[in-house]
N, C-alpha and C. Protein backbone atom coordinates (compact mmCIF):
# COMPACT_ATOMS: atom_id res chain seq x y z
N MET A 1 0.83 -1.19 0.00
CA MET A 1 0.00 0.00 0.00
C MET A 1 0.87 1.25 0.00
N THR A 2 0.41 2.22 -0.70
CA THR A 2 1.18 3.46 -0.74
C THR A 2 0.87 4.28 0.51
N HIS A 3 1.71 5.25 0.71
CA HIS A 3 1.56 6.15 1.87
C HIS A 3 0.21 6.88 1.82
N ILE A 4 -0.22 7.26 0.65
CA ILE A 4 -1.49 7.98 0.49
C ILE A 4 -2.66 7.09 0.89
N ALA A 5 -2.63 5.84 0.48
CA ALA A 5 -3.71 4.91 0.82
C ALA A 5 -3.76 4.63 2.32
N VAL A 6 -2.59 4.50 2.94
CA VAL A 6 -2.53 4.27 4.39
C VAL A 6 -3.12 5.47 5.12
N GLU A 7 -2.75 6.66 4.69
CA GLU A 7 -3.28 7.87 5.32
C GLU A 7 -4.79 7.98 5.12
N ARG A 8 -5.26 7.64 3.94
CA ARG A 8 -6.70 7.68 3.65
C ARG A 8 -7.45 6.71 4.57
N ASN A 9 -6.91 5.51 4.75
CA ASN A 9 -7.54 4.53 5.64
C ASN A 9 -7.53 5.00 7.10
N ARG A 10 -6.43 5.62 7.51
CA ARG A 10 -6.34 6.13 8.88
C ARG A 10 -7.40 7.19 9.12
N ARG A 11 -7.55 8.12 8.17
CA ARG A 11 -8.56 9.18 8.31
C ARG A 11 -9.97 8.60 8.31
N LYS A 12 -10.20 7.61 7.46
CA LYS A 12 -11.52 6.98 7.40
C LYS A 12 -11.85 6.32 8.74
N GLN A 13 -10.88 5.60 9.30
CA GLN A 13 -11.07 4.94 10.58
C GLN A 13 -11.29 5.97 11.69
N MET A 14 -10.52 7.06 11.68
CA MET A 14 -10.68 8.12 12.68
C MET A 14 -12.07 8.74 12.59
N ASN A 15 -12.53 9.00 11.38
CA ASN A 15 -13.87 9.57 11.19
C ASN A 15 -14.96 8.62 11.68
N GLU A 16 -14.77 7.32 11.48
CA GLU A 16 -15.73 6.34 11.99
C GLU A 16 -15.77 6.35 13.51
N TYR A 17 -14.59 6.40 14.14
CA TYR A 17 -14.52 6.45 15.60
C TYR A 17 -15.20 7.72 16.13
N LEU A 18 -14.92 8.85 15.48
CA LEU A 18 -15.53 10.11 15.91
C LEU A 18 -17.04 10.09 15.73
N SER A 19 -17.50 9.45 14.66
CA SER A 19 -18.94 9.33 14.43
C SER A 19 -19.61 8.51 15.53
N VAL A 20 -18.98 7.41 15.91
CA VAL A 20 -19.51 6.58 17.00
C VAL A 20 -19.50 7.36 18.31
N LEU A 21 -18.40 8.06 18.58
CA LEU A 21 -18.29 8.85 19.80
C LEU A 21 -19.38 9.91 19.85
N ARG A 22 -19.60 10.57 18.73
CA ARG A 22 -20.62 11.62 18.66
C ARG A 22 -22.02 11.04 18.89
N SER A 23 -22.27 9.83 18.40
CA SER A 23 -23.59 9.22 18.55
C SER A 23 -23.87 8.80 19.99
N LEU A 24 -22.83 8.67 20.81
CA LEU A 24 -23.00 8.22 22.19
C LEU A 24 -23.35 9.34 23.16
N MET A 25 -23.31 10.60 22.71
CA MET A 25 -23.57 11.70 23.62
C MET A 25 -24.65 12.62 23.06
N PRO A 26 -25.31 13.38 23.93
CA PRO A 26 -26.36 14.30 23.47
C PRO A 26 -25.81 15.35 22.52
N GLU A 27 -26.68 15.83 21.63
CA GLU A 27 -26.29 16.83 20.63
C GLU A 27 -25.77 18.12 21.26
N SER A 28 -26.25 18.46 22.44
CA SER A 28 -25.87 19.72 23.07
C SER A 28 -24.38 19.78 23.42
N TYR A 29 -23.69 18.64 23.43
CA TYR A 29 -22.28 18.62 23.77
C TYR A 29 -21.37 18.84 22.57
N VAL A 30 -21.92 18.84 21.38
CA VAL A 30 -21.11 19.03 20.18
C VAL A 30 -21.72 20.16 19.36
N GLN A 31 -21.03 21.31 19.35
CA GLN A 31 -21.53 22.45 18.59
C GLN A 31 -21.15 22.35 17.12
N ARG A 32 -19.96 21.85 16.86
CA ARG A 32 -19.47 21.72 15.48
C ARG A 32 -19.06 20.27 15.25
N GLY A 33 -18.81 19.93 14.01
CA GLY A 33 -18.48 18.54 13.68
C GLY A 33 -17.00 18.25 13.61
N ASP A 34 -16.15 19.21 13.97
CA ASP A 34 -14.71 18.96 13.86
C ASP A 34 -14.23 18.09 15.01
N GLN A 35 -13.04 17.52 14.85
CA GLN A 35 -12.49 16.57 15.81
C GLN A 35 -12.37 17.16 17.21
N ALA A 36 -11.84 18.37 17.30
CA ALA A 36 -11.62 18.99 18.61
C ALA A 36 -12.94 19.19 19.35
N SER A 37 -13.99 19.62 18.64
CA SER A 37 -15.29 19.83 19.27
C SER A 37 -15.89 18.52 19.76
N ILE A 38 -15.77 17.47 18.97
CA ILE A 38 -16.32 16.17 19.36
C ILE A 38 -15.59 15.63 20.58
N ILE A 39 -14.27 15.69 20.57
CA ILE A 39 -13.49 15.17 21.70
C ILE A 39 -13.71 16.03 22.94
N GLY A 40 -13.71 17.35 22.77
CA GLY A 40 -13.98 18.25 23.90
C GLY A 40 -15.36 18.01 24.49
N GLY A 41 -16.35 17.82 23.61
CA GLY A 41 -17.71 17.53 24.08
C GLY A 41 -17.77 16.21 24.83
N ALA A 42 -17.04 15.21 24.34
CA ALA A 42 -17.02 13.90 25.01
C ALA A 42 -16.40 14.02 26.40
N ILE A 43 -15.34 14.80 26.51
CA ILE A 43 -14.69 15.00 27.82
C ILE A 43 -15.67 15.66 28.78
N ASN A 44 -16.35 16.71 28.32
CA ASN A 44 -17.31 17.40 29.18
C ASN A 44 -18.46 16.48 29.57
N PHE A 45 -18.91 15.65 28.64
CA PHE A 45 -20.00 14.72 28.91
C PHE A 45 -19.59 13.71 29.98
N VAL A 46 -18.38 13.17 29.87
CA VAL A 46 -17.89 12.20 30.86
C VAL A 46 -17.76 12.86 32.23
N LYS A 47 -17.28 14.11 32.27
CA LYS A 47 -17.17 14.81 33.55
C LYS A 47 -18.55 15.00 34.18
N GLU A 48 -19.55 15.35 33.37
CA GLU A 48 -20.90 15.51 33.91
C GLU A 48 -21.45 14.18 34.39
N LEU A 49 -21.18 13.11 33.66
CA LEU A 49 -21.62 11.78 34.11
C LEU A 49 -20.97 11.40 35.44
N GLU A 50 -19.70 11.75 35.60
CA GLU A 50 -19.01 11.47 36.86
C GLU A 50 -19.68 12.22 38.01
N GLN A 51 -20.02 13.48 37.76
CA GLN A 51 -20.68 14.28 38.79
C GLN A 51 -22.05 13.68 39.14
N ARG A 52 -22.79 13.26 38.13
CA ARG A 52 -24.10 12.63 38.39
C ARG A 52 -23.94 11.34 39.17
N LEU A 53 -22.91 10.56 38.84
CA LEU A 53 -22.65 9.32 39.56
C LEU A 53 -22.37 9.60 41.03
N GLN A 54 -21.56 10.61 41.31
CA GLN A 54 -21.26 10.97 42.69
C GLN A 54 -22.54 11.39 43.41
N TRP A 55 -23.36 12.20 42.76
CA TRP A 55 -24.59 12.67 43.37
C TRP A 55 -25.54 11.51 43.63
N LEU A 56 -25.70 10.62 42.64
CA LEU A 56 -26.60 9.48 42.81
C LEU A 56 -26.10 8.53 43.90
N GLY A 57 -24.79 8.34 43.96
CA GLY A 57 -24.22 7.51 45.03
C GLY A 57 -24.53 8.08 46.40
N GLY A 58 -24.42 9.38 46.52
CA GLY A 58 -24.75 10.05 47.78
C GLY A 58 -26.22 9.92 48.11
N GLN A 59 -27.07 10.08 47.11
CA GLN A 59 -28.51 9.94 47.33
C GLN A 59 -28.86 8.52 47.75
N LYS A 60 -28.20 7.54 47.15
CA LYS A 60 -28.45 6.14 47.49
C LYS A 60 -28.07 5.88 48.94
N GLU A 61 -26.91 6.39 49.35
CA GLU A 61 -26.49 6.23 50.74
C GLU A 61 -27.49 6.89 51.68
N LYS A 62 -27.95 8.05 51.30
CA LYS A 62 -28.90 8.80 52.12
C LYS A 62 -30.21 8.02 52.27
N GLU A 63 -30.72 7.47 51.17
CA GLU A 63 -31.97 6.71 51.20
C GLU A 63 -31.84 5.40 51.96
N ASN A 64 -30.71 4.76 51.87
CA ASN A 64 -30.51 3.49 52.55
C ASN A 64 -30.18 3.66 54.02
N GLY A 65 -30.03 4.88 54.46
CA GLY A 65 -29.71 5.12 55.86
C GLY A 65 -28.28 4.81 56.21
N GLU A 66 -27.43 4.68 55.20
CA GLU A 66 -26.02 4.36 55.45
C GLU A 66 -25.22 5.59 55.84
N ALA A 67 -25.82 6.76 55.74
CA ALA A 67 -25.08 7.99 56.03
C ALA A 67 -24.58 8.01 57.46
N GLY A 68 -25.32 7.36 58.38
CA GLY A 68 -24.88 7.33 59.76
C GLY A 68 -23.73 6.37 59.98
N SER A 69 -23.65 5.30 59.18
CA SER A 69 -22.62 4.30 59.39
C SER A 69 -21.34 4.59 58.62
N SER A 70 -21.44 5.23 57.46
CA SER A 70 -20.23 5.59 56.72
C SER A 70 -20.42 6.98 56.12
N ALA A 71 -19.34 7.70 56.00
CA ALA A 71 -19.41 9.06 55.49
C ALA A 71 -19.74 9.06 54.00
N PRO A 72 -20.51 10.05 53.55
CA PRO A 72 -20.79 10.13 52.11
C PRO A 72 -19.51 10.27 51.30
N PHE A 73 -19.50 9.72 50.12
CA PHE A 73 -18.39 9.80 49.16
C PHE A 73 -17.16 8.99 49.58
N SER A 74 -17.26 8.16 50.62
CA SER A 74 -16.06 7.44 51.08
C SER A 74 -15.52 6.48 50.03
N GLU A 75 -16.39 6.02 49.11
CA GLU A 75 -15.93 5.09 48.07
C GLU A 75 -15.02 5.76 47.04
N PHE A 76 -14.95 7.08 47.03
CA PHE A 76 -14.11 7.78 46.07
C PHE A 76 -12.67 7.96 46.55
N PHE A 77 -12.37 7.52 47.77
CA PHE A 77 -11.03 7.65 48.32
C PHE A 77 -10.38 6.29 48.41
N THR A 78 -9.26 6.12 47.70
CA THR A 78 -8.55 4.86 47.70
C THR A 78 -7.44 4.86 48.74
N PHE A 79 -6.48 5.78 48.58
CA PHE A 79 -5.35 5.90 49.50
C PHE A 79 -5.17 7.36 49.89
N PRO A 80 -6.03 7.90 50.75
CA PRO A 80 -5.91 9.32 51.10
C PRO A 80 -4.67 9.61 51.94
N GLN A 81 -4.06 10.78 51.70
CA GLN A 81 -2.94 11.20 52.51
C GLN A 81 -3.42 11.65 53.90
N TYR A 82 -4.62 12.21 53.96
CA TYR A 82 -5.25 12.61 55.21
C TYR A 82 -6.64 11.98 55.25
N SER A 83 -7.00 11.40 56.38
CA SER A 83 -8.28 10.71 56.45
C SER A 83 -8.98 10.99 57.78
N THR A 84 -10.29 11.20 57.71
CA THR A 84 -11.08 11.40 58.92
C THR A 84 -11.54 10.09 59.52
N SER A 85 -11.34 8.99 58.79
CA SER A 85 -11.81 7.70 59.30
C SER A 85 -10.90 7.20 60.41
N SER A 86 -11.45 6.36 61.26
CA SER A 86 -10.65 5.84 62.37
C SER A 86 -9.68 4.76 61.91
N THR A 87 -9.98 4.12 60.78
CA THR A 87 -9.07 3.11 60.24
C THR A 87 -8.40 3.69 59.02
N VAL A 88 -7.15 4.06 59.18
CA VAL A 88 -6.42 4.67 58.08
C VAL A 88 -5.32 3.73 57.64
N SER A 89 -4.92 3.87 56.38
CA SER A 89 -3.85 3.02 55.87
C SER A 89 -2.51 3.48 56.43
N ASP A 90 -1.50 2.65 56.25
CA ASP A 90 -0.19 2.96 56.80
C ASP A 90 0.41 4.23 56.23
N ASN A 91 0.13 4.54 54.96
CA ASN A 91 0.76 5.70 54.34
C ASN A 91 -0.05 6.97 54.52
N SER A 92 -1.21 6.91 55.18
CA SER A 92 -1.98 8.12 55.42
C SER A 92 -1.86 8.52 56.87
N VAL A 93 -2.27 9.73 57.15
CA VAL A 93 -2.16 10.28 58.48
C VAL A 93 -3.57 10.55 58.99
N SER A 94 -3.86 10.08 60.20
CA SER A 94 -5.19 10.37 60.73
C SER A 94 -5.23 11.81 61.20
N MET A 95 -6.41 12.36 61.26
CA MET A 95 -6.56 13.75 61.66
C MET A 95 -6.06 13.95 63.08
N ALA A 96 -6.27 12.99 63.95
CA ALA A 96 -5.82 13.13 65.33
C ALA A 96 -4.30 13.26 65.39
N ASP A 97 -3.59 12.55 64.52
CA ASP A 97 -2.13 12.62 64.50
C ASP A 97 -1.66 14.00 64.08
N THR A 98 -2.34 14.62 63.12
CA THR A 98 -1.86 15.88 62.59
C THR A 98 -2.23 17.06 63.45
N VAL A 99 -3.24 16.93 64.28
CA VAL A 99 -3.67 18.07 65.07
C VAL A 99 -3.19 17.90 66.51
N GLY A 100 -2.15 17.12 66.69
CA GLY A 100 -1.56 16.96 68.01
C GLY A 100 -2.50 16.30 69.01
N GLY A 101 -3.24 15.30 68.57
CA GLY A 101 -4.13 14.60 69.48
C GLY A 101 -5.51 15.21 69.57
N ASN A 102 -5.69 16.41 69.09
CA ASN A 102 -7.01 17.03 69.07
C ASN A 102 -7.87 16.29 68.06
N GLN A 103 -9.10 15.96 68.44
CA GLN A 103 -9.95 15.15 67.58
C GLN A 103 -10.71 15.97 66.53
N ALA A 104 -10.28 17.18 66.25
CA ALA A 104 -10.94 18.02 65.25
C ALA A 104 -10.83 17.38 63.88
N VAL A 105 -11.95 17.26 63.19
CA VAL A 105 -11.98 16.67 61.86
C VAL A 105 -12.01 17.79 60.84
N ILE A 106 -11.06 17.81 59.93
CA ILE A 106 -11.03 18.86 58.92
C ILE A 106 -11.47 18.32 57.57
N ALA A 107 -10.77 17.32 57.04
CA ALA A 107 -11.11 16.84 55.70
C ALA A 107 -10.38 15.54 55.37
N ASP A 108 -10.95 14.82 54.40
CA ASP A 108 -10.23 13.72 53.76
C ASP A 108 -9.59 14.31 52.52
N ILE A 109 -8.32 14.02 52.32
CA ILE A 109 -7.60 14.58 51.18
C ILE A 109 -6.82 13.46 50.51
N GLU A 110 -7.00 13.34 49.20
CA GLU A 110 -6.24 12.37 48.41
C GLU A 110 -5.69 13.09 47.19
N VAL A 111 -4.40 12.97 46.99
CA VAL A 111 -3.74 13.61 45.85
C VAL A 111 -3.02 12.54 45.04
N THR A 112 -3.22 12.57 43.74
CA THR A 112 -2.45 11.74 42.82
C THR A 112 -1.80 12.68 41.82
N MET A 113 -0.66 12.26 41.29
CA MET A 113 0.10 13.17 40.43
C MET A 113 0.77 12.41 39.30
N VAL A 114 0.71 13.00 38.10
CA VAL A 114 1.42 12.49 36.93
C VAL A 114 2.11 13.68 36.30
N GLU A 115 3.43 13.65 36.31
CA GLU A 115 4.25 14.75 35.80
C GLU A 115 3.82 16.06 36.45
N SER A 116 3.34 17.02 35.67
CA SER A 116 2.99 18.33 36.24
C SER A 116 1.49 18.50 36.45
N HIS A 117 0.74 17.41 36.43
CA HIS A 117 -0.71 17.47 36.65
C HIS A 117 -1.05 16.65 37.90
N ALA A 118 -1.92 17.22 38.72
CA ALA A 118 -2.34 16.54 39.95
C ALA A 118 -3.86 16.51 40.03
N ASN A 119 -4.37 15.44 40.59
CA ASN A 119 -5.80 15.31 40.87
C ASN A 119 -5.99 15.31 42.37
N LEU A 120 -6.89 16.16 42.85
CA LEU A 120 -7.17 16.27 44.27
C LEU A 120 -8.61 15.88 44.53
N LYS A 121 -8.81 15.11 45.58
CA LYS A 121 -10.16 14.81 46.08
C LYS A 121 -10.18 15.29 47.52
N ILE A 122 -11.13 16.13 47.82
CA ILE A 122 -11.24 16.71 49.16
C ILE A 122 -12.68 16.54 49.63
N ARG A 123 -12.85 15.87 50.76
CA ARG A 123 -14.18 15.74 51.36
C ARG A 123 -14.13 16.43 52.71
N SER A 124 -15.04 17.38 52.90
CA SER A 124 -15.06 18.12 54.15
C SER A 124 -16.48 18.57 54.47
N ARG A 125 -16.61 19.23 55.58
CA ARG A 125 -17.88 19.81 55.97
C ARG A 125 -18.06 21.11 55.19
N ARG A 126 -19.29 21.41 54.79
CA ARG A 126 -19.56 22.65 54.06
C ARG A 126 -19.39 23.84 54.99
N ARG A 127 -18.72 24.87 54.47
CA ARG A 127 -18.54 26.11 55.22
C ARG A 127 -18.74 27.28 54.28
N PRO A 128 -19.20 28.41 54.81
CA PRO A 128 -19.40 29.59 53.95
C PRO A 128 -18.09 30.03 53.29
N LYS A 129 -18.16 30.34 52.02
CA LYS A 129 -17.04 30.86 51.22
C LYS A 129 -15.84 29.91 51.15
N GLN A 130 -16.05 28.64 51.48
CA GLN A 130 -14.94 27.68 51.47
C GLN A 130 -14.36 27.49 50.07
N LEU A 131 -15.22 27.35 49.08
CA LEU A 131 -14.75 27.13 47.71
C LEU A 131 -13.95 28.33 47.22
N LEU A 132 -14.44 29.52 47.46
CA LEU A 132 -13.74 30.74 47.04
C LEU A 132 -12.35 30.80 47.67
N ARG A 133 -12.27 30.52 48.95
CA ARG A 133 -10.97 30.56 49.64
C ARG A 133 -10.04 29.45 49.16
N MET A 134 -10.61 28.28 48.86
CA MET A 134 -9.78 27.18 48.34
C MET A 134 -9.19 27.53 46.98
N VAL A 135 -10.02 28.07 46.09
CA VAL A 135 -9.53 28.43 44.76
C VAL A 135 -8.44 29.48 44.88
N SER A 136 -8.67 30.48 45.71
CA SER A 136 -7.66 31.53 45.92
C SER A 136 -6.38 30.94 46.52
N GLY A 137 -6.54 30.04 47.49
CA GLY A 137 -5.38 29.42 48.12
C GLY A 137 -4.58 28.55 47.17
N LEU A 138 -5.28 27.79 46.32
CA LEU A 138 -4.58 26.95 45.34
C LEU A 138 -3.82 27.81 44.34
N GLN A 139 -4.42 28.91 43.92
CA GLN A 139 -3.72 29.81 43.00
C GLN A 139 -2.48 30.41 43.65
N SER A 140 -2.57 30.74 44.94
CA SER A 140 -1.40 31.30 45.63
C SER A 140 -0.28 30.26 45.78
N LEU A 141 -0.64 28.98 45.72
CA LEU A 141 0.36 27.91 45.78
C LEU A 141 0.93 27.59 44.40
N HIS A 142 0.50 28.34 43.38
CA HIS A 142 0.90 28.14 41.99
C HIS A 142 0.38 26.81 41.44
N LEU A 143 -0.85 26.49 41.82
CA LEU A 143 -1.57 25.35 41.26
C LEU A 143 -2.73 25.91 40.45
N THR A 144 -2.68 25.73 39.14
CA THR A 144 -3.71 26.25 38.25
C THR A 144 -4.82 25.22 38.10
N ILE A 145 -6.04 25.63 38.40
CA ILE A 145 -7.18 24.72 38.33
C ILE A 145 -7.60 24.55 36.88
N LEU A 146 -7.58 23.30 36.42
CA LEU A 146 -8.00 22.97 35.06
C LEU A 146 -9.45 22.51 35.04
N HIS A 147 -9.87 21.81 36.08
CA HIS A 147 -11.24 21.29 36.18
C HIS A 147 -11.61 21.21 37.64
N LEU A 148 -12.86 21.58 37.93
CA LEU A 148 -13.36 21.55 39.30
C LEU A 148 -14.76 20.97 39.30
N ASN A 149 -15.00 20.01 40.17
CA ASN A 149 -16.31 19.39 40.30
C ASN A 149 -16.69 19.44 41.77
N VAL A 150 -17.89 19.94 42.07
CA VAL A 150 -18.36 20.06 43.45
C VAL A 150 -19.65 19.26 43.59
N THR A 151 -19.69 18.37 44.58
CA THR A 151 -20.88 17.59 44.86
C THR A 151 -21.16 17.68 46.36
N THR A 152 -22.42 17.93 46.72
CA THR A 152 -22.77 18.05 48.14
C THR A 152 -23.90 17.12 48.51
N ILE A 153 -23.84 16.67 49.76
CA ILE A 153 -24.94 15.94 50.39
C ILE A 153 -25.03 16.48 51.81
N ASP A 154 -26.19 17.03 52.13
CA ASP A 154 -26.40 17.63 53.44
C ASP A 154 -25.27 18.62 53.74
N GLN A 155 -24.50 18.37 54.79
CA GLN A 155 -23.41 19.28 55.16
C GLN A 155 -22.04 18.77 54.72
N THR A 156 -22.00 17.76 53.87
CA THR A 156 -20.74 17.21 53.37
C THR A 156 -20.55 17.63 51.92
N VAL A 157 -19.33 18.01 51.58
CA VAL A 157 -19.03 18.42 50.21
C VAL A 157 -17.81 17.65 49.71
N LEU A 158 -17.86 17.24 48.45
CA LEU A 158 -16.74 16.57 47.80
C LEU A 158 -16.25 17.46 46.67
N TYR A 159 -14.99 17.85 46.74
CA TYR A 159 -14.36 18.62 45.67
C TYR A 159 -13.45 17.68 44.90
N SER A 160 -13.61 17.62 43.60
CA SER A 160 -12.69 16.87 42.73
C SER A 160 -12.04 17.89 41.82
N LEU A 161 -10.73 18.04 41.94
CA LEU A 161 -10.01 19.04 41.18
C LEU A 161 -8.91 18.42 40.34
N SER A 162 -8.74 18.97 39.17
CA SER A 162 -7.60 18.64 38.32
C SER A 162 -6.79 19.92 38.22
N VAL A 163 -5.53 19.87 38.64
CA VAL A 163 -4.70 21.08 38.65
C VAL A 163 -3.40 20.85 37.91
N LYS A 164 -2.85 21.95 37.42
CA LYS A 164 -1.52 21.93 36.80
C LYS A 164 -0.55 22.54 37.79
N VAL A 165 0.52 21.82 38.08
CA VAL A 165 1.55 22.32 38.98
C VAL A 165 2.48 23.20 38.14
N GLU A 166 2.44 24.49 38.41
CA GLU A 166 3.24 25.44 37.63
C GLU A 166 4.73 25.26 37.92
N ASP A 167 5.56 25.78 37.01
CA ASP A 167 7.01 25.63 37.15
C ASP A 167 7.55 26.27 38.43
N ASP A 168 6.94 27.39 38.86
CA ASP A 168 7.43 28.08 40.05
C ASP A 168 6.78 27.58 41.35
N CYS A 169 6.07 26.47 41.29
CA CYS A 169 5.43 25.89 42.47
C CYS A 169 6.49 25.16 43.30
N LYS A 170 6.46 25.38 44.61
CA LYS A 170 7.43 24.75 45.50
C LYS A 170 6.99 23.36 45.97
N LEU A 171 5.76 22.97 45.64
CA LEU A 171 5.23 21.67 46.04
C LEU A 171 5.59 20.65 44.96
N THR A 172 6.39 19.66 45.33
CA THR A 172 6.90 18.74 44.32
C THR A 172 6.37 17.31 44.43
N SER A 173 5.65 17.01 45.51
CA SER A 173 5.15 15.64 45.68
C SER A 173 3.69 15.66 46.10
N VAL A 174 3.06 14.50 46.05
CA VAL A 174 1.65 14.41 46.47
C VAL A 174 1.51 14.74 47.95
N ASP A 175 2.49 14.33 48.75
CA ASP A 175 2.43 14.63 50.18
C ASP A 175 2.55 16.13 50.45
N ASP A 176 3.43 16.81 49.69
CA ASP A 176 3.56 18.27 49.84
C ASP A 176 2.24 18.96 49.53
N ILE A 177 1.61 18.56 48.43
CA ILE A 177 0.35 19.18 48.02
C ILE A 177 -0.74 18.88 49.05
N ALA A 178 -0.83 17.62 49.49
CA ALA A 178 -1.85 17.24 50.48
C ALA A 178 -1.68 18.02 51.78
N THR A 179 -0.44 18.17 52.24
CA THR A 179 -0.18 18.91 53.47
C THR A 179 -0.56 20.37 53.31
N ALA A 180 -0.19 20.98 52.18
CA ALA A 180 -0.53 22.39 51.95
C ALA A 180 -2.04 22.59 51.90
N VAL A 181 -2.75 21.68 51.25
CA VAL A 181 -4.22 21.78 51.17
C VAL A 181 -4.83 21.57 52.56
N TYR A 182 -4.31 20.63 53.31
CA TYR A 182 -4.81 20.38 54.66
C TYR A 182 -4.64 21.61 55.54
N GLN A 183 -3.45 22.23 55.48
CA GLN A 183 -3.21 23.44 56.26
C GLN A 183 -4.12 24.58 55.83
N MET A 184 -4.34 24.70 54.52
CA MET A 184 -5.23 25.73 53.99
C MET A 184 -6.65 25.52 54.52
N LEU A 185 -7.14 24.27 54.51
CA LEU A 185 -8.48 23.98 55.02
C LEU A 185 -8.56 24.24 56.52
N GLY A 186 -7.47 24.01 57.24
CA GLY A 186 -7.43 24.32 58.67
C GLY A 186 -7.63 25.81 58.91
N ARG A 187 -6.97 26.64 58.09
CA ARG A 187 -7.14 28.10 58.21
C ARG A 187 -8.57 28.51 57.88
N ILE A 188 -9.14 27.88 56.85
CA ILE A 188 -10.53 28.20 56.46
C ILE A 188 -11.48 27.84 57.60
N GLN A 189 -11.24 26.70 58.25
CA GLN A 189 -12.09 26.28 59.36
C GLN A 189 -11.95 27.26 60.53
N GLU A 190 -10.73 27.68 60.84
CA GLU A 190 -10.52 28.64 61.92
C GLU A 190 -11.24 29.95 61.64
N GLU A 191 -11.14 30.44 60.40
CA GLU A 191 -11.82 31.68 60.03
C GLU A 191 -13.33 31.54 60.16
N ALA A 192 -13.86 30.36 59.79
CA ALA A 192 -15.30 30.13 59.88
C ALA A 192 -15.76 30.12 61.33
N MET A 193 -14.93 29.61 62.24
CA MET A 193 -15.29 29.58 63.66
C MET A 193 -15.26 30.97 64.27
N ILE A 194 -14.32 31.80 63.81
CA ILE A 194 -14.21 33.17 64.32
C ILE A 194 -15.41 34.00 63.89
N ASN A 195 -15.82 33.83 62.63
CA ASN A 195 -16.95 34.61 62.10
C ASN A 195 -18.21 34.03 62.52
């Protein structure tokens, strides 16, 4: 086969894949028919489905009465660096350990990182202006927010963030980021108690 025929087949196959992808999502997610619009729409659709899944999971827990026995959104945390649960893994730190024996519960925090991109999951109690202060705090740490998803059940909120670690950021590991976020949430909690 010539190079032209191979390229023609590749484009044909790509167009077939894009057509299938486009057929799997609502029309409102694709404004134009070009590749970038279809892929961007698919990404947005998957993010919305993830948010709906989190919300439905929380509603299911609420209806089944499991909210008293386990915290909402607990299934979204695999290996948290900070955990409010009494049974924590070896590599995580319980809240009591970090607050010097004080049993104050601030948040569950899990950070994963690939190169210069990090994913954060934060579960905490809802507080006034918490999201605004978190966004401002993350920006001051030179973490640029690429995607933010907020899901709430009663007084519990789950933040799922995708951030880019900027070149001038001093936080180089998942533990550094988790600790900085934990300290930031501690300040937000203190401010909420004062006000």
